[in-house]
Amino acid sequence: VYLQMDILRPEDTAVYYCNADLWAYTRPFWGQGTQV
């Protein structure tokens, strides 16, 4: 999955986390987070 971020603002500053819901799993999985 991709996230193209344009016209970024200071208020967009955050740790961004990827999330994926996989079939047959009871809860979604998370990425480690990446700083923007």
Full PDB file with SEQRES, HELIX, SHEET, SSBOND, CRYST1, ORIGX, SCALE, CONECT and MASTER records, all heavy atoms in Angstrom:
SEQRES   1 A   36  VAL TYR LEU GLN MET ASP ILE LEU ARG PRO GLU ASP THR          
SEQRES   2 A   36  ALA VAL TYR TYR CYS ASN ALA ASP LEU TRP ALA TYR THR          
SEQRES   3 A   36  ARG PRO PHE TRP GLY GLN GLY THR GLN VAL                      
HELIX    1 AA1 PRO A   10  ASP A   12  5                                   3    
SHEET    1 AA1 2 VAL A  15  TYR A  16  0                                        
SHEET    2 AA1 2 THR A  34  GLN A  35 -1                                        
SHEET    1 AA2 2 ASN A  19  ALA A  20  0                                        
SHEET    2 AA2 2 PHE A  29  TRP A  30 -1                                        
CRYST1    1.000    1.000    1.000  90.00  90.00  90.00 P 1           1          
ORIGX1      1.000000  0.000000  0.000000        0.00000                         
ORIGX2      0.000000  1.000000  0.000000        0.00000                         
ORIGX3      0.000000  0.000000  1.000000        0.00000                         
SCALE1      1.000000  0.000000  0.000000        0.00000                         
SCALE2      0.000000  1.000000  0.000000        0.00000                         
SCALE3      0.000000  0.000000  1.000000        0.00000                         
ATOM      1  N   VAL A   1       0.849  -1.178   0.000  1.00  0.00           N  
ATOM      2  CA  VAL A   1       0.000   0.000   0.000  1.00  0.00           C  
ATOM      3  C   VAL A   1       0.890   1.234   0.000  1.00  0.00           C  
ATOM      4  O   VAL A   1       1.963   1.238   0.601  1.00  0.00           O  
ATOM      5  CB  VAL A   1      -0.964   0.001   1.208  1.00  0.00           C  
ATOM      6  CG1 VAL A   1      -0.198   0.063   2.531  1.00  0.00           C  
ATOM      7  CG2 VAL A   1      -1.958   1.150   1.107  1.00  0.00           C  
ATOM      8  N   TYR A   2       0.434   2.268  -0.678  1.00  0.00           N  
ATOM      9  CA  TYR A   2       1.188   3.502  -0.806  1.00  0.00           C  
ATOM     10  C   TYR A   2       0.374   4.678  -0.291  1.00  0.00           C  
ATOM     11  O   TYR A   2      -0.858   4.653  -0.303  1.00  0.00           O  
ATOM     12  CB  TYR A   2       1.559   3.774  -2.264  1.00  0.00           C  
ATOM     13  CG  TYR A   2       2.266   2.637  -2.954  1.00  0.00           C  
ATOM     14  CD1 TYR A   2       1.553   1.699  -3.701  1.00  0.00           C  
ATOM     15  CD2 TYR A   2       3.644   2.498  -2.868  1.00  0.00           C  
ATOM     16  CE1 TYR A   2       2.199   0.657  -4.337  1.00  0.00           C  
ATOM     17  CE2 TYR A   2       4.303   1.455  -3.504  1.00  0.00           C  
ATOM     18  CZ  TYR A   2       3.575   0.536  -4.237  1.00  0.00           C  
ATOM     19  OH  TYR A   2       4.221  -0.498  -4.868  1.00  0.00           O  
ATOM     20  N   LEU A   3       1.073   5.695   0.130  1.00  0.00           N  
ATOM     21  CA  LEU A   3       0.431   6.952   0.485  1.00  0.00           C  
ATOM     22  C   LEU A   3       1.237   8.081  -0.137  1.00  0.00           C  
ATOM     23  O   LEU A   3       2.346   8.374   0.309  1.00  0.00           O  
ATOM     24  CB  LEU A   3       0.345   7.133   2.001  1.00  0.00           C  
ATOM     25  CG  LEU A   3      -0.410   8.383   2.459  1.00  0.00           C  
ATOM     26  CD1 LEU A   3      -1.898   8.267   2.122  1.00  0.00           C  
ATOM     27  CD2 LEU A   3      -0.222   8.610   3.958  1.00  0.00           C  
ATOM     28  N   GLN A   4       0.678   8.679  -1.167  1.00  0.00           N  
ATOM     29  CA  GLN A   4       1.292   9.839  -1.796  1.00  0.00           C  
ATOM     30  C   GLN A   4       0.806  11.078  -1.067  1.00  0.00           C  
ATOM     31  O   GLN A   4      -0.396  11.349  -1.028  1.00  0.00           O  
ATOM     32  CB  GLN A   4       0.922   9.914  -3.278  1.00  0.00           C  
ATOM     33  CG  GLN A   4       1.479  11.126  -4.001  1.00  0.00           C  
ATOM     34  CD  GLN A   4       2.980  11.099  -4.115  1.00  0.00           C  
ATOM     35  OE1 GLN A   4       3.561  10.060  -4.411  1.00  0.00           O  
ATOM     36  NE2 GLN A   4       3.616  12.230  -3.880  1.00  0.00           N  
ATOM     37  N   MET A   5       1.721  11.820  -0.491  1.00  0.00           N  
ATOM     38  CA  MET A   5       1.387  12.992   0.304  1.00  0.00           C  
ATOM     39  C   MET A   5       1.913  14.233  -0.401  1.00  0.00           C  
ATOM     40  O   MET A   5       3.123  14.391  -0.564  1.00  0.00           O  
ATOM     41  CB  MET A   5       1.971  12.879   1.708  1.00  0.00           C  
ATOM     42  CG  MET A   5       1.530  11.623   2.455  1.00  0.00           C  
ATOM     43  SD  MET A   5       2.146  11.576   4.160  1.00  0.00           S  
ATOM     44  CE  MET A   5       3.906  11.397   3.848  1.00  0.00           C  
ATOM     45  N   ASP A   6       1.006  15.091  -0.800  1.00  0.00           N  
ATOM     46  CA  ASP A   6       1.355  16.324  -1.490  1.00  0.00           C  
ATOM     47  C   ASP A   6       0.879  17.525  -0.685  1.00  0.00           C  
ATOM     48  O   ASP A   6      -0.007  17.415   0.159  1.00  0.00           O  
ATOM     49  CB  ASP A   6       0.731  16.361  -2.885  1.00  0.00           C  
ATOM     50  CG  ASP A   6       1.218  15.254  -3.789  1.00  0.00           C  
ATOM     51  OD1 ASP A   6       2.437  14.982  -3.798  1.00  0.00           O  
ATOM     52  OD2 ASP A   6       0.376  14.651  -4.497  1.00  0.00           O  
ATOM     53  N   ILE A   7       1.449  18.674  -0.978  1.00  0.00           N  
ATOM     54  CA  ILE A   7       1.110  19.931  -0.312  1.00  0.00           C  
ATOM     55  C   ILE A   7       1.138  19.733   1.199  1.00  0.00           C  
ATOM     56  O   ILE A   7       0.201  20.070   1.918  1.00  0.00           O  
ATOM     57  CB  ILE A   7      -0.265  20.461  -0.778  1.00  0.00           C  
ATOM     58  CG1 ILE A   7      -0.472  20.248  -2.281  1.00  0.00           C  
ATOM     59  CG2 ILE A   7      -0.396  21.955  -0.459  1.00  0.00           C  
ATOM     60  CD1 ILE A   7      -1.837  20.645  -2.789  1.00  0.00           C  
ATOM     61  N   LEU A   8       2.213  19.187   1.667  1.00  0.00           N  
ATOM     62  CA  LEU A   8       2.333  18.882   3.084  1.00  0.00           C  
ATOM     63  C   LEU A   8       2.368  20.143   3.937  1.00  0.00           C  
ATOM     64  O   LEU A   8       2.920  21.166   3.538  1.00  0.00           O  
ATOM     65  CB  LEU A   8       3.583  18.045   3.340  1.00  0.00           C  
ATOM     66  CG  LEU A   8       3.435  16.571   2.952  1.00  0.00           C  
ATOM     67  CD1 LEU A   8       4.798  15.924   2.771  1.00  0.00           C  
ATOM     68  CD2 LEU A   8       2.621  15.833   4.003  1.00  0.00           C  
ATOM     69  N   ARG A   9       1.771  20.037   5.093  1.00  0.00           N  
ATOM     70  CA  ARG A   9       1.687  21.131   6.052  1.00  0.00           C  
ATOM     71  C   ARG A   9       2.383  20.742   7.350  1.00  0.00           C  
ATOM     72  O   ARG A   9       2.503  19.564   7.656  1.00  0.00           O  
ATOM     73  CB  ARG A   9       0.218  21.453   6.348  1.00  0.00           C  
ATOM     74  CG  ARG A   9      -0.625  21.778   5.138  1.00  0.00           C  
ATOM     75  CD  ARG A   9      -2.090  21.741   5.502  1.00  0.00           C  
ATOM     76  NE  ARG A   9      -2.954  22.088   4.375  1.00  0.00           N  
ATOM     77  CZ  ARG A   9      -4.266  21.906   4.361  1.00  0.00           C  
ATOM     78  NH1 ARG A   9      -4.885  21.389   5.414  1.00  0.00           N  
ATOM     79  NH2 ARG A   9      -4.967  22.246   3.279  1.00  0.00           N  
ATOM     80  N   PRO A  10       2.821  21.728   8.126  1.00  0.00           N  
ATOM     81  CA  PRO A  10       3.439  21.398   9.415  1.00  0.00           C  
ATOM     82  C   PRO A  10       2.542  20.532  10.297  1.00  0.00           C  
ATOM     83  O   PRO A  10       3.046  19.677  11.035  1.00  0.00           O  
ATOM     84  CB  PRO A  10       3.685  22.772  10.046  1.00  0.00           C  
ATOM     85  CG  PRO A  10       3.887  23.668   8.875  1.00  0.00           C  
ATOM     86  CD  PRO A  10       2.925  23.162   7.830  1.00  0.00           C  
ATOM     87  N   GLU A  11       1.254  20.727  10.227  1.00  0.00           N  
ATOM     88  CA  GLU A  11       0.336  19.945  11.037  1.00  0.00           C  
ATOM     89  C   GLU A  11       0.214  18.490  10.583  1.00  0.00           C  
ATOM     90  O   GLU A  11      -0.426  17.680  11.256  1.00  0.00           O  
ATOM     91  CB  GLU A  11      -1.057  20.597  11.086  1.00  0.00           C  
ATOM     92  CG  GLU A  11      -1.588  21.014   9.739  1.00  0.00           C  
ATOM     93  CD  GLU A  11      -1.320  22.481   9.414  1.00  0.00           C  
ATOM     94  OE1 GLU A  11      -0.174  22.939   9.602  1.00  0.00           O  
ATOM     95  OE2 GLU A  11      -2.255  23.175   8.973  1.00  0.00           O  
ATOM     96  N   ASP A  12       0.824  18.157   9.452  1.00  0.00           N  
ATOM     97  CA  ASP A  12       0.890  16.762   9.025  1.00  0.00           C  
ATOM     98  C   ASP A  12       2.003  16.002   9.738  1.00  0.00           C  
ATOM     99  O   ASP A  12       2.110  14.783   9.584  1.00  0.00           O  
ATOM    100  CB  ASP A  12       1.113  16.669   7.513  1.00  0.00           C  
ATOM    101  CG  ASP A  12      -0.073  17.186   6.713  1.00  0.00           C  
ATOM    102  OD1 ASP A  12      -1.225  16.900   7.096  1.00  0.00           O  
ATOM    103  OD2 ASP A  12       0.163  17.867   5.699  1.00  0.00           O  
ATOM    104  N   THR A  13       2.821  16.710  10.472  1.00  0.00           N  
ATOM    105  CA  THR A  13       3.919  16.079  11.198  1.00  0.00           C  
ATOM    106  C   THR A  13       3.385  15.064  12.198  1.00  0.00           C  
ATOM    107  O   THR A  13       2.561  15.395  13.053  1.00  0.00           O  
ATOM    108  CB  THR A  13       4.764  17.124  11.927  1.00  0.00           C  
ATOM    109  OG1 THR A  13       5.378  17.993  10.966  1.00  0.00           O  
ATOM    110  CG2 THR A  13       5.855  16.468  12.764  1.00  0.00           C  
ATOM    111  N   ALA A  14       3.848  13.833  12.089  1.00  0.00           N  
ATOM    112  CA  ALA A  14       3.369  12.754  12.941  1.00  0.00           C  
ATOM    113  C   ALA A  14       4.140  11.484  12.616  1.00  0.00           C  
ATOM    114  O   ALA A  14       4.891  11.425  11.644  1.00  0.00           O  
ATOM    115  CB  ALA A  14       1.871  12.520  12.726  1.00  0.00           C  
ATOM    116  N   VAL A  15       3.935  10.478  13.442  1.00  0.00           N  
ATOM    117  CA  VAL A  15       4.377   9.140  13.102  1.00  0.00           C  
ATOM    118  C   VAL A  15       3.253   8.481  12.322  1.00  0.00           C  
ATOM    119  O   VAL A  15       2.111   8.451  12.779  1.00  0.00           O  
ATOM    120  CB  VAL A  15       4.725   8.307  14.347  1.00  0.00           C  
ATOM    121  CG1 VAL A  15       5.123   6.894  13.948  1.00  0.00           C  
ATOM    122  CG2 VAL A  15       5.842   8.970  15.130  1.00  0.00           C  
ATOM    123  N   TYR A  16       3.577   7.971  11.163  1.00  0.00           N  
ATOM    124  CA  TYR A  16       2.586   7.348  10.299  1.00  0.00           C  
ATOM    125  C   TYR A  16       2.705   5.834  10.391  1.00  0.00           C  
ATOM    126  O   TYR A  16       3.792   5.271  10.269  1.00  0.00           O  
ATOM    127  CB  TYR A  16       2.780   7.801   8.853  1.00  0.00           C  
ATOM    128  CG  TYR A  16       2.270   9.203   8.602  1.00  0.00           C  
ATOM    129  CD1 TYR A  16       2.921  10.303   9.155  1.00  0.00           C  
ATOM    130  CD2 TYR A  16       1.130   9.423   7.833  1.00  0.00           C  
ATOM    131  CE1 TYR A  16       2.445  11.590   8.954  1.00  0.00           C  
ATOM    132  CE2 TYR A  16       0.662  10.707   7.620  1.00  0.00           C  
ATOM    133  CZ  TYR A  16       1.317  11.785   8.182  1.00  0.00           C  
ATOM    134  OH  TYR A  16       0.837  13.057   7.971  1.00  0.00           O  
ATOM    135  N   TYR A  17       1.575   5.182  10.597  1.00  0.00           N  
ATOM    136  CA  TYR A  17       1.530   3.740  10.779  1.00  0.00           C  
ATOM    137  C   TYR A  17       0.727   3.068   9.680  1.00  0.00           C  
ATOM    138  O   TYR A  17      -0.385   3.490   9.365  1.00  0.00           O  
ATOM    139  CB  TYR A  17       0.891   3.384  12.118  1.00  0.00           C  
ATOM    140  CG  TYR A  17       1.645   3.882  13.333  1.00  0.00           C  
ATOM    141  CD1 TYR A  17       1.359   5.119  13.895  1.00  0.00           C  
ATOM    142  CD2 TYR A  17       2.636   3.102  13.916  1.00  0.00           C  
ATOM    143  CE1 TYR A  17       2.038   5.576  15.010  1.00  0.00           C  
ATOM    144  CE2 TYR A  17       3.323   3.551  15.030  1.00  0.00           C  
ATOM    145  CZ  TYR A  17       3.020   4.787  15.573  1.00  0.00           C  
ATOM    146  OH  TYR A  17       3.700   5.225  16.683  1.00  0.00           O  
ATOM    147  N   CYS A  18       1.274   2.015   9.146  1.00  0.00           N  
ATOM    148  CA  CYS A  18       0.570   1.183   8.182  1.00  0.00           C  
ATOM    149  C   CYS A  18      -0.273   0.153   8.918  1.00  0.00           C  
ATOM    150  O   CYS A  18       0.123  -0.362   9.971  1.00  0.00           O  
ATOM    151  CB  CYS A  18       1.591   0.493   7.277  1.00  0.00           C  
ATOM    152  SG  CYS A  18       0.889  -0.588   6.023  1.00  0.00           S  
ATOM    153  N   ASN A  19      -1.420  -0.140   8.367  1.00  0.00           N  
ATOM    154  CA  ASN A  19      -2.350  -1.089   8.965  1.00  0.00           C  
ATOM    155  C   ASN A  19      -2.891  -2.005   7.872  1.00  0.00           C  
ATOM    156  O   ASN A  19      -3.207  -1.552   6.777  1.00  0.00           O  
ATOM    157  CB  ASN A  19      -3.490  -0.320   9.645  1.00  0.00           C  
ATOM    158  CG  ASN A  19      -4.613  -1.207  10.137  1.00  0.00           C  
ATOM    159  OD1 ASN A  19      -5.469  -1.622   9.358  1.00  0.00           O  
ATOM    160  ND2 ASN A  19      -4.621  -1.486  11.432  1.00  0.00           N  
ATOM    161  N   ALA A  20      -2.997  -3.295   8.178  1.00  0.00           N  
ATOM    162  CA  ALA A  20      -3.518  -4.253   7.209  1.00  0.00           C  
ATOM    163  C   ALA A  20      -4.398  -5.274   7.894  1.00  0.00           C  
ATOM    164  O   ALA A  20      -4.007  -5.866   8.902  1.00  0.00           O  
ATOM    165  CB  ALA A  20      -2.382  -4.956   6.476  1.00  0.00           C  
ATOM    166  N   ASP A  21      -5.569  -5.472   7.334  1.00  0.00           N  
ATOM    167  CA  ASP A  21      -6.515  -6.465   7.816  1.00  0.00           C  
ATOM    168  C   ASP A  21      -6.396  -7.691   6.917  1.00  0.00           C  
ATOM    169  O   ASP A  21      -6.696  -7.615   5.730  1.00  0.00           O  
ATOM    170  CB  ASP A  21      -7.928  -5.892   7.786  1.00  0.00           C  
ATOM    171  CG  ASP A  21      -8.978  -6.862   8.275  1.00  0.00           C  
ATOM    172  OD1 ASP A  21      -8.632  -7.783   9.040  1.00  0.00           O  
ATOM    173  OD2 ASP A  21     -10.155  -6.691   7.903  1.00  0.00           O  
ATOM    174  N   LEU A  22      -5.957  -8.802   7.489  1.00  0.00           N  
ATOM    175  CA  LEU A  22      -5.757 -10.024   6.724  1.00  0.00           C  
ATOM    176  C   LEU A  22      -6.881 -11.017   6.968  1.00  0.00           C  
ATOM    177  O   LEU A  22      -7.335 -11.196   8.101  1.00  0.00           O  
ATOM    178  CB  LEU A  22      -4.430 -10.690   7.090  1.00  0.00           C  
ATOM    179  CG  LEU A  22      -3.167 -10.204   6.390  1.00  0.00           C  
ATOM    180  CD1 LEU A  22      -2.859  -8.749   6.735  1.00  0.00           C  
ATOM    181  CD2 LEU A  22      -1.989 -11.093   6.756  1.00  0.00           C  
ATOM    182  N   TRP A  23      -7.313 -11.644   5.893  1.00  0.00           N  
ATOM    183  CA  TRP A  23      -8.334 -12.671   6.000  1.00  0.00           C  
ATOM    184  C   TRP A  23      -7.873 -13.796   6.919  1.00  0.00           C  
ATOM    185  O   TRP A  23      -6.727 -14.238   6.843  1.00  0.00           O  
ATOM    186  CB  TRP A  23      -8.646 -13.227   4.615  1.00  0.00           C  
ATOM    187  CG  TRP A  23      -9.674 -14.303   4.616  1.00  0.00           C  
ATOM    188  CD1 TRP A  23      -9.477 -15.641   4.443  1.00  0.00           C  
ATOM    189  CD2 TRP A  23     -11.087 -14.136   4.802  1.00  0.00           C  
ATOM    190  NE1 TRP A  23     -10.656 -16.316   4.504  1.00  0.00           N  
ATOM    191  CE2 TRP A  23     -11.677 -15.420   4.730  1.00  0.00           C  
ATOM    192  CE3 TRP A  23     -11.905 -13.033   5.023  1.00  0.00           C  
ATOM    193  CZ2 TRP A  23     -13.046 -15.621   4.878  1.00  0.00           C  
ATOM    194  CZ3 TRP A  23     -13.274 -13.238   5.171  1.00  0.00           C  
ATOM    195  CH2 TRP A  23     -13.822 -14.517   5.087  1.00  0.00           C  
ATOM    196  N   ALA A  24      -8.761 -14.249   7.800  1.00  0.00           N  
ATOM    197  CA  ALA A  24      -8.552 -15.358   8.729  1.00  0.00           C  
ATOM    198  C   ALA A  24      -7.798 -14.972  10.001  1.00  0.00           C  
ATOM    199  O   ALA A  24      -7.617 -15.811  10.881  1.00  0.00           O  
ATOM    200  CB  ALA A  24      -7.851 -16.539   8.066  1.00  0.00           C  
ATOM    201  N   TYR A  25      -7.368 -13.709  10.128  1.00  0.00           N  
ATOM    202  CA  TYR A  25      -6.791 -13.230  11.363  1.00  0.00           C  
ATOM    203  C   TYR A  25      -7.836 -12.432  12.135  1.00  0.00           C  
ATOM    204  O   TYR A  25      -8.675 -11.748  11.537  1.00  0.00           O  
ATOM    205  CB  TYR A  25      -5.551 -12.375  11.105  1.00  0.00           C  
ATOM    206  CG  TYR A  25      -4.344 -13.181  10.697  1.00  0.00           C  
ATOM    207  CD1 TYR A  25      -4.121 -13.494   9.363  1.00  0.00           C  
ATOM    208  CD2 TYR A  25      -3.431 -13.634  11.642  1.00  0.00           C  
ATOM    209  CE1 TYR A  25      -3.024 -14.244   8.981  1.00  0.00           C  
ATOM    210  CE2 TYR A  25      -2.329 -14.379  11.266  1.00  0.00           C  
ATOM    211  CZ  TYR A  25      -2.132 -14.677   9.940  1.00  0.00           C  
ATOM    212  OH  TYR A  25      -1.031 -15.419   9.560  1.00  0.00           O  
ATOM    213  N   THR A  26      -7.749 -12.516  13.454  1.00  0.00           N  
ATOM    214  CA  THR A  26      -8.777 -11.916  14.298  1.00  0.00           C  
ATOM    215  C   THR A  26      -8.628 -10.412  14.480  1.00  0.00           C  
ATOM    216  O   THR A  26      -9.571  -9.741  14.897  1.00  0.00           O  
ATOM    217  CB  THR A  26      -8.803 -12.577  15.676  1.00  0.00           C  
ATOM    218  OG1 THR A  26      -7.522 -12.456  16.292  1.00  0.00           O  
ATOM    219  CG2 THR A  26      -9.158 -14.053  15.551  1.00  0.00           C  
ATOM    220  N   ARG A  27      -7.455  -9.883  14.199  1.00  0.00           N  
ATOM    221  CA  ARG A  27      -7.231  -8.460  14.328  1.00  0.00           C  
ATOM    222  C   ARG A  27      -6.191  -8.001  13.321  1.00  0.00           C  
ATOM    223  O   ARG A  27      -5.386  -8.804  12.851  1.00  0.00           O  
ATOM    224  CB  ARG A  27      -6.798  -8.102  15.750  1.00  0.00           C  
ATOM    225  CG  ARG A  27      -5.539  -8.806  16.221  1.00  0.00           C  
ATOM    226  CD  ARG A  27      -5.329  -8.558  17.697  1.00  0.00           C  
ATOM    227  NE  ARG A  27      -4.161  -9.228  18.215  1.00  0.00           N  
ATOM    228  CZ  ARG A  27      -3.877  -9.342  19.496  1.00  0.00           C  
ATOM    229  NH1 ARG A  27      -4.685  -8.818  20.404  1.00  0.00           N  
ATOM    230  NH2 ARG A  27      -2.783  -9.980  19.884  1.00  0.00           N  
ATOM    231  N   PRO A  28      -6.200  -6.721  12.996  1.00  0.00           N  
ATOM    232  CA  PRO A  28      -5.268  -6.235  11.981  1.00  0.00           C  
ATOM    233  C   PRO A  28      -3.830  -6.173  12.485  1.00  0.00           C  
ATOM    234  O   PRO A  28      -3.565  -6.228  13.690  1.00  0.00           O  
ATOM    235  CB  PRO A  28      -5.798  -4.839  11.658  1.00  0.00           C  
ATOM    236  CG  PRO A  28      -6.501  -4.415  12.909  1.00  0.00           C  
ATOM    237  CD  PRO A  28      -7.117  -5.671  13.454  1.00  0.00           C  
ATOM    238  N   PHE A  29      -2.914  -6.024  11.541  1.00  0.00           N  
ATOM    239  CA  PHE A  29      -1.504  -5.891  11.849  1.00  0.00           C  
ATOM    240  C   PHE A  29      -1.058  -4.462  11.617  1.00  0.00           C  
ATOM    241  O   PHE A  29      -1.638  -3.735  10.802  1.00  0.00           O  
ATOM    242  CB  PHE A  29      -0.675  -6.846  10.993  1.00  0.00           C  
ATOM    243  CG  PHE A  29      -0.885  -8.295  11.331  1.00  0.00           C  
ATOM    244  CD1 PHE A  29      -1.933  -9.009  10.785  1.00  0.00           C  
ATOM    245  CD2 PHE A  29      -0.036  -8.940  12.213  1.00  0.00           C  
ATOM    246  CE1 PHE A  29      -2.139 -10.340  11.103  1.00  0.00           C  
ATOM    247  CE2 PHE A  29      -0.226 -10.276  12.538  1.00  0.00           C  
ATOM    248  CZ  PHE A  29      -1.283 -10.977  11.989  1.00  0.00           C  
ATOM    249  N   TRP A  30      -0.012  -4.072  12.322  1.00  0.00           N  
ATOM    250  CA  TRP A  30       0.507  -2.719  12.260  1.00  0.00           C  
ATOM    251  C   TRP A  30       1.977  -2.705  11.890  1.00  0.00           C  
ATOM    252  O   TRP A  30       2.743  -3.595  12.258  1.00  0.00           O  
ATOM    253  CB  TRP A  30       0.342  -2.020  13.612  1.00  0.00           C  
ATOM    254  CG  TRP A  30      -1.080  -1.764  13.984  1.00  0.00           C  
ATOM    255  CD1 TRP A  30      -1.916  -2.606  14.657  1.00  0.00           C  
ATOM    256  CD2 TRP A  30      -1.830  -0.581  13.708  1.00  0.00           C  
ATOM    257  NE1 TRP A  30      -3.152  -2.017  14.816  1.00  0.00           N  
ATOM    258  CE2 TRP A  30      -3.123  -0.775  14.248  1.00  0.00           C  
ATOM    259  CE3 TRP A  30      -1.540   0.623  13.068  1.00  0.00           C  
ATOM    260  CZ2 TRP A  30      -4.119   0.193  14.154  1.00  0.00           C  
ATOM    261  CZ3 TRP A  30      -2.526   1.586  12.976  1.00  0.00           C  
ATOM    262  CH2 TRP A  30      -3.799   1.364  13.524  1.00  0.00           C  
ATOM    263  N   GLY A  31       2.349  -1.672  11.174  1.00  0.00           N  
ATOM    264  CA  GLY A  31       3.747  -1.445  10.901  1.00  0.00           C  
ATOM    265  C   GLY A  31       4.437  -0.797  12.085  1.00  0.00           C  
ATOM    266  O   GLY A  31       3.810  -0.472  13.098  1.00  0.00           O  
ATOM    267  N   GLN A  32       5.730  -0.594  11.947  1.00  0.00           N  
ATOM    268  CA  GLN A  32       6.521  -0.058  13.049  1.00  0.00           C  
ATOM    269  C   GLN A  32       6.360   1.447  13.225  1.00  0.00           C  
ATOM    270  O   GLN A  32       6.719   1.994  14.263  1.00  0.00           O  
ATOM    271  CB  GLN A  32       8.005  -0.390  12.828  1.00  0.00           C  
ATOM    272  CG  GLN A  32       8.716   0.461  11.776  1.00  0.00           C  
ATOM    273  CD  GLN A  32       8.401   0.065  10.343  1.00  0.00           C  
ATOM    274  OE1 GLN A  32       7.617  -0.836  10.082  1.00  0.00           O  
ATOM    275  NE2 GLN A  32       9.045   0.756   9.398  1.00  0.00           N  
ATOM    276  N   GLY A  33       5.841   2.097  12.220  1.00  0.00           N  
ATOM    277  CA  GLY A  33       5.697   3.541  12.232  1.00  0.00           C  
ATOM    278  C   GLY A  33       6.882   4.218  11.578  1.00  0.00           C  
ATOM    279  O   GLY A  33       8.026   3.801  11.753  1.00  0.00           O  
ATOM    280  N   THR A  34       6.604   5.262  10.828  1.00  0.00           N  
ATOM    281  CA  THR A  34       7.662   6.033  10.192  1.00  0.00           C  
ATOM    282  C   THR A  34       7.399   7.516  10.409  1.00  0.00           C  
ATOM    283  O   THR A  34       6.268   7.983  10.271  1.00  0.00           O  
ATOM    284  CB  THR A  34       7.776   5.698   8.692  1.00  0.00           C  
ATOM    285  OG1 THR A  34       8.877   6.403   8.116  1.00  0.00           O  
ATOM    286  CG2 THR A  34       6.502   6.055   7.929  1.00  0.00           C  
ATOM    287  N   GLN A  35       8.435   8.237  10.771  1.00  0.00           N  
ATOM    288  CA  GLN A  35       8.297   9.647  11.109  1.00  0.00           C  
ATOM    289  C   GLN A  35       8.207  10.505   9.860  1.00  0.00           C  
ATOM    290  O   GLN A  35       9.037  10.393   8.953  1.00  0.00           O  
ATOM    291  CB  GLN A  35       9.478  10.107  11.966  1.00  0.00           C  
ATOM    292  CG  GLN A  35       9.444  11.591  12.334  1.00  0.00           C  
ATOM    293  CD  GLN A  35       8.350  11.916  13.325  1.00  0.00           C  
ATOM    294  OE1 GLN A  35       8.191  11.209  14.334  1.00  0.00           O  
ATOM    295  NE2 GLN A  35       7.587  12.971  13.043  1.00  0.00           N  
ATOM    296  N   VAL A  36       7.208  11.361   9.833  1.00  0.00           N  
ATOM    297  CA  VAL A  36       7.091  12.388   8.802  1.00  0.00           C  
ATOM    298  C   VAL A  36       7.139  13.739   9.496  1.00  0.00           C  
ATOM    299  O   VAL A  36       6.322  14.021  10.374  1.00  0.00           O  
ATOM    300  CB  VAL A  36       5.784  12.249   8.002  1.00  0.00           C  
ATOM    301  CG1 VAL A  36       5.587  13.453   7.080  1.00  0.00           C  
ATOM    302  CG2 VAL A  36       5.790  10.961   7.208  1.00  0.00           C  
TER     303      VAL A  36                                                      
MASTER        0    0    0    1    4    0    0    6  302    1    0    3          
END                                                                             
